[in-house]
C-alpha atoms as a PDB file:
ATOM      1  CA  MET A   1     -36.293  69.366 -24.709  1.00  0.00           C
ATOM      2  CA  ALA A   2     -36.703  70.908 -21.265  1.00  0.00           C
ATOM      3  CA  GLU A   3     -34.736  74.090 -20.572  1.00  0.00           C
ATOM      4  CA  GLN A   4     -32.646  73.985 -17.415  1.00  0.00           C
ATOM      5  CA  PRO A   5     -29.918  75.928 -15.658  1.00  0.00           C
ATOM      6  CA  ALA A   6     -26.383  75.112 -16.795  1.00  0.00           C
ATOM      7  CA  LYS A   7     -25.624  73.388 -13.493  1.00  0.00           C
ATOM      8  CA  LYS A   8     -28.229  70.679 -14.088  1.00  0.00           C
ATOM      9  CA  GLN A   9     -27.097  70.220 -17.653  1.00  0.00           C
ATOM     10  CA  ARG A  10     -23.584  69.495 -16.351  1.00  0.00           C
ATOM     11  CA  THR A  11     -24.611  67.077 -13.620  1.00  0.00           C
ATOM     12  CA  HIS A  12     -27.088  64.897 -15.529  1.00  0.00           C
ATOM     13  CA  PRO A  13     -26.208  62.490 -18.341  1.00  0.00           C
ATOM     14  CA  PRO A  14     -27.729  62.982 -21.799  1.00  0.00           C
ATOM     15  CA  TYR A  15     -30.930  61.008 -21.257  1.00  0.00           C
ATOM     16  CA  GLU A  16     -32.568  59.726 -24.446  1.00  0.00           C
ATOM     17  CA  LEU A  17     -36.238  58.708 -24.554  1.00  0.00           C
ATOM     18  CA  LEU A  18     -36.943  56.030 -27.144  1.00  0.00           C
ATOM     19  CA  TYR A  19     -40.605  55.975 -28.153  1.00  0.00           C
ATOM     20  CA  HIS A  20     -42.988  56.238 -31.097  1.00  0.00           C
ATOM     21  CA  PRO A  21     -43.328  59.715 -32.616  1.00  0.00           C
ATOM     22  CA  GLY A  22     -46.444  61.852 -32.631  1.00  0.00           C
ATOM     23  CA  ILE A  23     -48.388  60.397 -29.682  1.00  0.00           C
ATOM     24  CA  PRO A  24     -48.143  60.809 -25.894  1.00  0.00           C
ATOM     25  CA  GLY A  25     -48.588  57.081 -25.204  1.00  0.00           C
ATOM     26  CA  ARG A  26     -46.677  55.334 -22.446  1.00  0.00           C
ATOM     27  CA  GLY A  27     -43.676  57.515 -23.173  1.00  0.00           C
ATOM     28  CA  GLU A  28     -45.582  60.452 -21.706  1.00  0.00           C
ATOM     29  CA  PHE A  29     -45.157  59.165 -18.167  1.00  0.00           C
ATOM     30  CA  ILE A  30     -41.403  59.384 -18.653  1.00  0.00           C
ATOM     31  CA  ARG A  31     -41.557  62.804 -20.321  1.00  0.00           C
ATOM     32  CA  LEU A  32     -43.536  64.165 -17.383  1.00  0.00           C
ATOM     33  CA  ALA A  33     -40.897  62.960 -14.917  1.00  0.00           C
ATOM     34  CA  PHE A  34     -38.184  64.860 -16.779  1.00  0.00           C
ATOM     35  CA  GLU A  35     -40.324  67.959 -17.207  1.00  0.00           C
ATOM     36  CA  VAL A  36     -41.335  68.405 -13.564  1.00  0.00           C
ATOM     37  CA  ALA A  37     -37.780  67.630 -12.444  1.00  0.00           C
ATOM     38  CA  GLY A  38     -36.441  70.234 -14.860  1.00  0.00           C
ATOM     39  CA  VAL A  39     -33.896  67.820 -16.279  1.00  0.00           C
ATOM     40  CA  PRO A  40     -32.980  67.889 -20.005  1.00  0.00           C
ATOM     41  CA  TYR A  41     -33.717  64.881 -22.189  1.00  0.00           C
ATOM     42  CA  THR A  42     -33.875  64.060 -25.873  1.00  0.00           C
ATOM     43  CA  ASP A  43     -37.134  62.713 -27.285  1.00  0.00           C
ATOM     44  CA  VAL A  44     -35.344  60.895 -30.077  1.00  0.00           C
ATOM     45  CA  ALA A  45     -38.167  60.121 -32.523  1.00  0.00           C
ATOM     46  CA  ASN A  46     -39.838  63.535 -32.157  1.00  0.00           C
ATOM     47  CA  GLU A  47     -36.721  65.700 -32.200  1.00  0.00           C
ATOM     48  CA  ASP A  48     -34.932  63.953 -35.072  1.00  0.00           C
ATOM     49  CA  LYS A  49     -37.537  63.877 -37.823  1.00  0.00           C
ATOM     50  CA  ASP A  50     -35.200  62.187 -40.303  1.00  0.00           C
ATOM     51  CA  GLY A  51     -33.616  59.274 -38.511  1.00  0.00           C
ATOM     52  CA  GLY A  52     -34.935  59.363 -34.968  1.00  0.00           C
ATOM     53  CA  TYR A  53     -37.603  56.724 -35.323  1.00  0.00           C
ATOM     54  CA  SER A  54     -35.217  54.460 -37.191  1.00  0.00           C
ATOM     55  CA  THR A  55     -32.983  54.643 -34.115  1.00  0.00           C
ATOM     56  CA  VAL A  56     -35.909  53.714 -31.868  1.00  0.00           C
ATOM     57  CA  GLN A  57     -36.867  50.808 -34.112  1.00  0.00           C
ATOM     58  CA  GLY A  58     -33.295  49.596 -34.313  1.00  0.00           C
ATOM     59  CA  ILE A  59     -32.953  49.434 -30.536  1.00  0.00           C
ATOM     60  CA  CYS A  60     -36.460  48.563 -29.379  1.00  0.00           C
ATOM     61  CA  MET A  61     -38.181  46.718 -32.204  1.00  0.00           C
ATOM     62  CA  ASN A  62     -35.732  44.210 -33.646  1.00  0.00           C
ATOM     63  CA  SER A  63     -35.267  40.444 -33.419  1.00  0.00           C
ATOM     64  CA  LYS A  64     -31.586  40.452 -32.487  1.00  0.00           C
ATOM     65  CA  PRO A  65     -30.390  38.918 -29.207  1.00  0.00           C
ATOM     66  CA  SER A  66     -29.263  42.353 -27.999  1.00  0.00           C
ATOM     67  CA  SER A  67     -30.594  45.886 -28.433  1.00  0.00           C
ATOM     68  CA  SER A  68     -27.370  47.921 -28.547  1.00  0.00           C
ATOM     69  CA  ASP A  69     -24.119  48.231 -26.612  1.00  0.00           C
ATOM     70  CA  ASP A  70     -24.485  44.697 -25.169  1.00  0.00           C
ATOM     71  CA  ASN A  71     -27.869  45.430 -23.596  1.00  0.00           C
ATOM     72  CA  PRO A  72     -30.441  42.603 -23.679  1.00  0.00           C
ATOM     73  CA  PRO A  73     -33.255  42.862 -26.242  1.00  0.00           C
ATOM     74  CA  VAL A  74     -36.096  45.277 -25.611  1.00  0.00           C
ATOM     75  CA  PHE A  75     -39.659  44.024 -26.058  1.00  0.00           C
ATOM     76  CA  SER A  76     -41.078  47.371 -27.172  1.00  0.00           C
ATOM     77  CA  PRO A  77     -40.842  51.116 -26.541  1.00  0.00           C
ATOM     78  CA  PRO A  78     -40.724  53.130 -24.380  1.00  0.00           C
ATOM     79  CA  ALA A  79     -37.133  52.680 -23.364  1.00  0.00           C
ATOM     80  CA  LEU A  80     -34.469  54.942 -21.960  1.00  0.00           C
ATOM     81  CA  ARG A  81     -30.895  55.123 -23.240  1.00  0.00           C
ATOM     82  CA  ILE A  82     -28.205  56.660 -21.057  1.00  0.00           C
ATOM     83  CA  PRO A  83     -24.849  56.969 -22.836  1.00  0.00           C
ATOM     84  CA  GLY A  84     -21.917  55.977 -20.638  1.00  0.00           C
ATOM     85  CA  ALA A  85     -24.052  54.388 -17.895  1.00  0.00           C
ATOM     86  CA  GLY A  86     -23.752  50.774 -19.044  1.00  0.00           C
ATOM     87  CA  ARG A  87     -21.099  48.103 -18.790  1.00  0.00           C
ATOM     88  CA  GLY A  88     -17.643  49.217 -19.808  1.00  0.00           C
ATOM     89  CA  GLY A  89     -18.780  52.797 -20.234  1.00  0.00           C
ATOM     90  CA  LYS A  90     -21.228  51.894 -22.978  1.00  0.00           C
ATOM     91  CA  ALA A  91     -24.834  53.036 -23.128  1.00  0.00           C
ATOM     92  CA  LEU A  92     -27.391  51.582 -20.739  1.00  0.00           C
ATOM     93  CA  VAL A  93     -30.770  50.761 -22.280  1.00  0.00           C
ATOM     94  CA  ILE A  94     -33.706  49.922 -20.004  1.00  0.00           C
ATOM     95  CA  ALA A  95     -37.361  49.466 -20.895  1.00  0.00           C
ATOM     96  CA  GLN A  96     -40.849  49.171 -19.403  1.00  0.00           C
ATOM     97  CA  THR A  97     -42.428  52.383 -18.142  1.00  0.00           C
ATOM     98  CA  PRO A  98     -42.464  51.579 -14.393  1.00  0.00           C
ATOM     99  CA  ASN A  99     -38.903  50.254 -14.600  1.00  0.00           C
ATOM    100  CA  VAL A 100     -37.707  53.473 -16.216  1.00  0.00           C
ATOM    101  CA  LEU A 101     -39.594  55.592 -13.668  1.00  0.00           C
ATOM    102  CA  SER A 102     -38.072  53.598 -10.819  1.00  0.00           C
ATOM    103  CA  TYR A 103     -34.584  54.144 -12.283  1.00  0.00           C
ATOM    104  CA  LEU A 104     -35.170  57.875 -12.684  1.00  0.00           C
ATOM    105  CA  GLY A 105     -36.948  58.439  -9.375  1.00  0.00           C
ATOM    106  CA  GLU A 106     -33.910  58.877  -7.139  1.00  0.00           C
ATOM    107  CA  ARG A 107     -31.767  60.377  -9.884  1.00  0.00           C
ATOM    108  CA  LEU A 108     -34.285  63.128 -10.630  1.00  0.00           C
ATOM    109  CA  GLY A 109     -35.322  63.709  -7.026  1.00  0.00           C
ATOM    110  CA  LEU A 110     -38.831  62.363  -7.620  1.00  0.00           C
ATOM    111  CA  VAL A 111     -39.039  59.941  -4.691  1.00  0.00           C
ATOM    112  CA  PRO A 112     -38.631  60.394  -0.937  1.00  0.00           C
ATOM    113  CA  GLU A 113     -35.393  59.212   0.627  1.00  0.00           C
ATOM    114  CA  ASP A 114     -37.180  56.807   2.986  1.00  0.00           C
ATOM    115  CA  GLU A 115     -39.649  53.943   2.522  1.00  0.00           C
ATOM    116  CA  GLY A 116     -41.947  56.404   0.768  1.00  0.00           C
ATOM    117  CA  LYS A 117     -40.209  55.522  -2.496  1.00  0.00           C
ATOM    118  CA  TYR A 118     -42.003  52.179  -2.416  1.00  0.00           C
ATOM    119  CA  TYR A 119     -45.337  53.924  -1.943  1.00  0.00           C
ATOM    120  CA  VAL A 120     -44.524  56.040  -4.995  1.00  0.00           C
ATOM    121  CA  GLN A 121     -43.888  52.946  -7.100  1.00  0.00           C
ATOM    122  CA  GLN A 122     -47.012  51.291  -5.683  1.00  0.00           C
ATOM    123  CA  LEU A 123     -49.151  54.222  -6.832  1.00  0.00           C
ATOM    124  CA  ALA A 124     -47.492  54.457 -10.233  1.00  0.00           C
ATOM    125  CA  LEU A 125     -48.055  50.747 -10.872  1.00  0.00           C
ATOM    126  CA  THR A 126     -51.700  51.078  -9.859  1.00  0.00           C
ATOM    127  CA  ALA A 127     -52.219  54.079 -12.126  1.00  0.00           C
ATOM    128  CA  LEU A 128     -50.608  52.192 -14.999  1.00  0.00           C
ATOM    129  CA  ASP A 129     -53.013  49.318 -14.377  1.00  0.00           C
ATOM    130  CA  LEU A 130     -55.887  51.753 -14.908  1.00  0.00           C
ATOM    131  CA  ASN A 131     -54.082  53.111 -17.954  1.00  0.00           C
ATOM    132  CA  ASN A 132     -54.113  49.615 -19.463  1.00  0.00           C
ATOM    133  CA  GLU A 133     -57.779  49.062 -18.649  1.00  0.00           C
ATOM    134  CA  VAL A 134     -58.743  52.300 -20.394  1.00  0.00           C
ATOM    135  CA  HIS A 135     -56.695  51.282 -23.424  1.00  0.00           C
ATOM    136  CA  ASP A 136     -58.574  47.989 -23.519  1.00  0.00           C
ATOM    137  CA  THR A 137     -61.916  49.760 -23.863  1.00  0.00           C
ATOM    138  CA  HIS A 138     -61.155  50.288 -27.535  1.00  0.00           C
ATOM    139  CA  HIS A 139     -59.137  47.096 -27.997  1.00  0.00           C
ATOM    140  CA  PRO A 140     -60.802  44.472 -25.770  1.00  0.00           C
ATOM    141  CA  VAL A 141     -60.388  41.535 -28.160  1.00  0.00           C
ATOM    142  CA  GLY A 142     -56.993  42.142 -29.745  1.00  0.00           C
ATOM    143  CA  VAL A 143     -54.524  45.013 -30.059  1.00  0.00           C
ATOM    144  CA  SER A 144     -53.789  44.049 -33.662  1.00  0.00           C
ATOM    145  CA  LEU A 145     -57.441  44.426 -34.656  1.00  0.00           C
ATOM    146  CA  TYR A 146     -59.036  47.722 -35.642  1.00  0.00           C
ATOM    147  CA  TYR A 147     -61.505  49.286 -33.235  1.00  0.00           C
ATOM    148  CA  GLU A 148     -64.219  48.832 -35.860  1.00  0.00           C
ATOM    149  CA  ASP A 149     -63.577  45.066 -35.773  1.00  0.00           C
ATOM    150  CA  GLN A 150     -64.404  44.859 -32.050  1.00  0.00           C
ATOM    151  CA  LYS A 151     -66.865  47.675 -31.553  1.00  0.00           C
ATOM    152  CA  GLU A 152     -69.582  45.572 -29.920  1.00  0.00           C
ATOM    153  CA  GLU A 153     -67.121  44.189 -27.393  1.00  0.00           C
ATOM    154  CA  SER A 154     -65.725  47.690 -26.854  1.00  0.00           C
ATOM    155  CA  LEU A 155     -69.134  49.013 -25.862  1.00  0.00           C
ATOM    156  CA  LYS A 156     -69.418  46.324 -23.166  1.00  0.00           C
ATOM    157  CA  LYS A 157     -65.843  46.827 -21.960  1.00  0.00           C
ATOM    158  CA  ALA A 158     -66.192  50.613 -21.781  1.00  0.00           C
ATOM    159  CA  LYS A 159     -69.429  50.347 -19.800  1.00  0.00           C
ATOM    160  CA  ASP A 160     -67.752  48.140 -17.193  1.00  0.00           C
ATOM    161  CA  VAL A 161     -64.667  50.379 -16.987  1.00  0.00           C
ATOM    162  CA  ARG A 162     -66.758  53.535 -16.608  1.00  0.00           C
ATOM    163  CA  GLU A 163     -69.235  52.138 -14.109  1.00  0.00           C
ATOM    164  CA  ASN A 164     -66.987  49.886 -12.026  1.00  0.00           C
ATOM    165  CA  ARG A 165     -63.278  50.231 -12.617  1.00  0.00           C
ATOM    166  CA  ILE A 166     -62.882  54.020 -12.819  1.00  0.00           C
ATOM    167  CA  PRO A 167     -64.670  54.700  -9.504  1.00  0.00           C
ATOM    168  CA  LYS A 168     -62.708  51.884  -7.842  1.00  0.00           C
ATOM    169  CA  PHE A 169     -59.368  53.408  -8.867  1.00  0.00           C
ATOM    170  CA  PHE A 170     -60.480  56.999  -8.238  1.00  0.00           C
ATOM    171  CA  SER A 171     -61.561  56.035  -4.733  1.00  0.00           C
ATOM    172  CA  TYR A 172     -58.142  54.536  -4.043  1.00  0.00           C
ATOM    173  CA  PHE A 173     -56.277  57.604  -5.283  1.00  0.00           C
ATOM    174  CA  GLU A 174     -58.476  59.860  -3.168  1.00  0.00           C
ATOM    175  CA  ARG A 175     -57.883  57.712  -0.074  1.00  0.00           C
ATOM    176  CA  GLN A 176     -54.170  58.037  -0.709  1.00  0.00           C
ATOM    177  CA  LEU A 177     -54.456  61.825  -0.918  1.00  0.00           C
ATOM    178  CA  LYS A 178     -56.338  61.919   2.377  1.00  0.00           C
ATOM    179  CA  TRP A 179     -53.766  59.643   4.012  1.00  0.00           C
ATOM    180  CA  ASN A 180     -50.941  61.935   2.964  1.00  0.00           C
ATOM    181  CA  GLN A 181     -52.842  65.012   4.116  1.00  0.00           C
ATOM    182  CA  GLU A 182     -53.472  63.416   7.510  1.00  0.00           C
ATOM    183  CA  ASP A 183     -49.737  62.789   7.727  1.00  0.00           C
ATOM    184  CA  GLY A 184     -49.263  66.536   7.363  1.00  0.00           C
ATOM    185  CA  LYS A 185     -47.658  66.399   3.932  1.00  0.00           C
ATOM    186  CA  GLY A 186     -50.119  68.541   2.007  1.00  0.00           C
ATOM    187  CA  LYS A 187     -51.349  68.330  -1.569  1.00  0.00           C
ATOM    188  CA  TYR A 188     -49.272  65.466  -3.006  1.00  0.00           C
ATOM    189  CA  LEU A 189     -49.861  61.724  -3.016  1.00  0.00           C
ATOM    190  CA  VAL A 190     -46.688  60.789  -1.126  1.00  0.00           C
ATOM    191  CA  GLY A 191     -44.616  63.145   1.017  1.00  0.00           C
ATOM    192  CA  GLY A 192     -44.310  66.890   0.834  1.00  0.00           C
ATOM    193  CA  LYS A 193     -43.023  67.384  -2.733  1.00  0.00           C
ATOM    194  CA  ILE A 194     -43.921  66.160  -6.158  1.00  0.00           C
ATOM    195  CA  THR A 195     -43.012  62.584  -7.107  1.00  0.00           C
ATOM    196  CA  TYR A 196     -43.504  60.477 -10.193  1.00  0.00           C
ATOM    197  CA  ALA A 197     -46.600  59.028  -8.474  1.00  0.00           C
ATOM    198  CA  ASP A 198     -48.207  62.453  -8.837  1.00  0.00           C
ATOM    199  CA  THR A 199     -47.313  62.842 -12.490  1.00  0.00           C
ATOM    200  CA  THR A 200     -48.330  59.278 -13.359  1.00  0.00           C
ATOM    201  CA  VAL A 201     -51.725  59.505 -11.668  1.00  0.00           C
ATOM    202  CA  TRP A 202     -52.196  62.978 -13.166  1.00  0.00           C
ATOM    203  CA  GLN A 203     -51.519  61.724 -16.693  1.00  0.00           C
ATOM    204  CA  VAL A 204     -54.025  58.895 -16.346  1.00  0.00           C
ATOM    205  CA  LEU A 205     -56.654  61.330 -15.042  1.00  0.00           C
ATOM    206  CA  ASP A 206     -55.933  63.668 -17.939  1.00  0.00           C
ATOM    207  CA  GLY A 207     -56.165  60.881 -20.502  1.00  0.00           C
ATOM    208  CA  ILE A 208     -59.435  59.605 -19.057  1.00  0.00           C
ATOM    209  CA  SER A 209     -60.791  63.158 -19.179  1.00  0.00           C
ATOM    210  CA  PHE A 210     -60.074  63.132 -22.917  1.00  0.00           C
ATOM    211  CA  ALA A 211     -61.443  59.650 -23.550  1.00  0.00           C
ATOM    212  CA  PHE A 212     -64.565  59.912 -21.379  1.00  0.00           C
ATOM    213  CA  PRO A 213     -65.334  63.615 -20.851  1.00  0.00           C
ATOM    214  CA  LYS A 214     -68.978  63.057 -19.917  1.00  0.00           C
ATOM    215  CA  GLU A 215     -68.097  60.328 -17.436  1.00  0.00           C
ATOM    216  CA  VAL A 216     -65.423  62.468 -15.808  1.00  0.00           C
ATOM    217  CA  GLU A 217     -67.715  65.477 -15.571  1.00  0.00           C
ATOM    218  CA  ALA A 218     -70.296  63.326 -13.825  1.00  0.00           C
ATOM    219  CA  ARG A 219     -67.672  62.010 -11.380  1.00  0.00           C
ATOM    220  CA  ARG A 220     -66.115  65.340 -10.374  1.00  0.00           C
ATOM    221  CA  GLY A 221     -68.523  65.936  -7.526  1.00  0.00           C
ATOM    222  CA  GLU A 222     -68.065  62.384  -6.261  1.00  0.00           C
ATOM    223  CA  PHE A 223     -64.273  62.691  -6.172  1.00  0.00           C
ATOM    224  CA  LYS A 224     -63.849  66.362  -5.379  1.00  0.00           C
ATOM    225  CA  GLU A 225     -60.468  66.103  -3.632  1.00  0.00           C
ATOM    226  CA  LEU A 226     -58.991  63.995  -6.431  1.00  0.00           C
ATOM    227  CA  PHE A 227     -59.948  66.570  -9.035  1.00  0.00           C
ATOM    228  CA  GLU A 228     -58.669  69.392  -6.871  1.00  0.00           C
ATOM    229  CA  PHE A 229     -55.350  67.527  -6.946  1.00  0.00           C
ATOM    230  CA  TYR A 230     -55.647  67.144 -10.728  1.00  0.00           C
ATOM    231  CA  GLU A 231     -56.339  70.835 -11.337  1.00  0.00           C
ATOM    232  CA  GLY A 232     -53.755  71.985  -8.810  1.00  0.00           C
ATOM    233  CA  LEU A 233     -50.951  69.939 -10.293  1.00  0.00           C
ATOM    234  CA  LYS A 234     -51.365  71.764 -13.608  1.00  0.00           C
ATOM    235  CA  GLU A 235     -49.833  74.784 -11.884  1.00  0.00           C
ATOM    236  CA  GLU A 236     -46.784  72.859 -10.674  1.00  0.00           C
ATOM    237  CA  LYS A 237     -43.541  74.369 -11.926  1.00  0.00           C
ATOM    238  CA  GLY A 238     -42.323  72.398 -14.899  1.00  0.00           C
ATOM    239  CA  LEU A 239     -45.687  70.856 -15.655  1.00  0.00           C
ATOM    240  CA  ARG A 240     -47.305  74.229 -16.254  1.00  0.00           C
ATOM    241  CA  GLU A 241     -44.642  75.214 -18.779  1.00  0.00           C
ATOM    242  CA  TYR A 242     -44.683  71.802 -20.437  1.00  0.00           C
ATOM    243  CA  LEU A 243     -48.443  71.796 -20.961  1.00  0.00           C
ATOM    244  CA  ALA A 244     -48.174  75.171 -22.692  1.00  0.00           C
ATOM    245  CA  SER A 245     -45.344  74.020 -24.968  1.00  0.00           C
ATOM    246  CA  GLU A 246     -45.253  72.232 -28.306  1.00  0.00           C
ATOM    247  CA  ARG A 247     -43.513  69.316 -26.599  1.00  0.00           C
ATOM    248  CA  ARG A 248     -46.846  68.250 -25.113  1.00  0.00           C
ATOM    249  CA  LEU A 249     -48.278  66.042 -27.851  1.00  0.00           C
ATOM    250  CA  PRO A 250     -52.051  65.927 -28.418  1.00  0.00           C
ATOM    251  CA  TYR A 251     -54.082  62.795 -27.818  1.00  0.00           C
ATOM    252  CA  SER A 252     -55.070  61.044 -31.018  1.00  0.00           C
ATOM    253  CA  MET A 253     -54.907  57.314 -31.755  1.00  0.00           C
ATOM    254  CA  GLY A 254     -52.777  56.177 -28.839  1.00  0.00           C
ATOM    255  CA  ILE A 255     -53.824  54.803 -25.453  1.00  0.00           C
ATOM    256  CA  PHE A 256     -56.464  57.460 -24.825  1.00  0.00           C
ATOM    257  CA  ARG A 257     -58.962  57.818 -27.661  1.00  0.00           C
ATOM    258  CA  HIS A 258     -62.286  59.594 -27.694  1.00  0.00           C
ATOM    259  CA  TYR A 259     -65.078  57.539 -29.209  1.00  0.00           C
ATOM    260  CA  PRO A 260     -68.334  59.302 -28.204  1.00  0.00           C
ATOM    261  CA  GLU A 261     -70.269  56.047 -28.215  1.00  0.00           C
ATOM    262  CA  LEU A 262     -67.990  54.622 -25.504  1.00  0.00           C
ATOM    263  CA  ASP A 263     -68.613  57.554 -23.151  1.00  0.00           C
ATOM    264  CA  ARG A 264     -71.529  57.971 -20.746  1.00  0.00           C
ATOM    265  CA  GLN A 265     -74.727  58.399 -22.753  1.00  0.00           C
END
């Protein structure tokens, strides 16, 4: 849980992240928003080793017509629970990564106060599209099948993602950086301070660097400004401390997986 001054602990509700334990996954985009904002949160499944994941499953992975506290059913984690923010003072539960980020953006100070907030969401949605495409390199046929059951298809999917999709997305992110720099706003993607667009794009770049290290190394010279952004953001207050902490979970068998045969040969 992020450490913050007492003032912020008094002015923010007790946010609860509901996600699978042990992996960064899609929950990581939400963790990063809290960490760079310096706002406390509870990572329920990881912080409560005994009953935390049972809580997540009970709210996010059941077949009942409601999740909890009169909230509609949740399709799957990640979700965010905010005690006292729902109807009648009950807990509010909302799901879907971009939906949660949109909810938190203004509350955590991670969007501009003008129309720039829509640009932030636009970038986050685009980065999450790339996130899904990278996931599909190791599960192109079906998410319920093992990688070994679709390895031939994975080789074809990974080749297309590496050669066509990654440079297409990287080019867009770099154009966005240049646009913001021309507007006099400096090193971020939108405006003059960090937003959840920055953290979302950063996380996708970091995950791709784990999944396809050879491909990324070969692309660094092609997208120099994008990788300057990537390296520079590591030093951002909040992110720097988080990356050095035990809260930052290692990549393993989640969205970003390293299969050497899927990388550039």
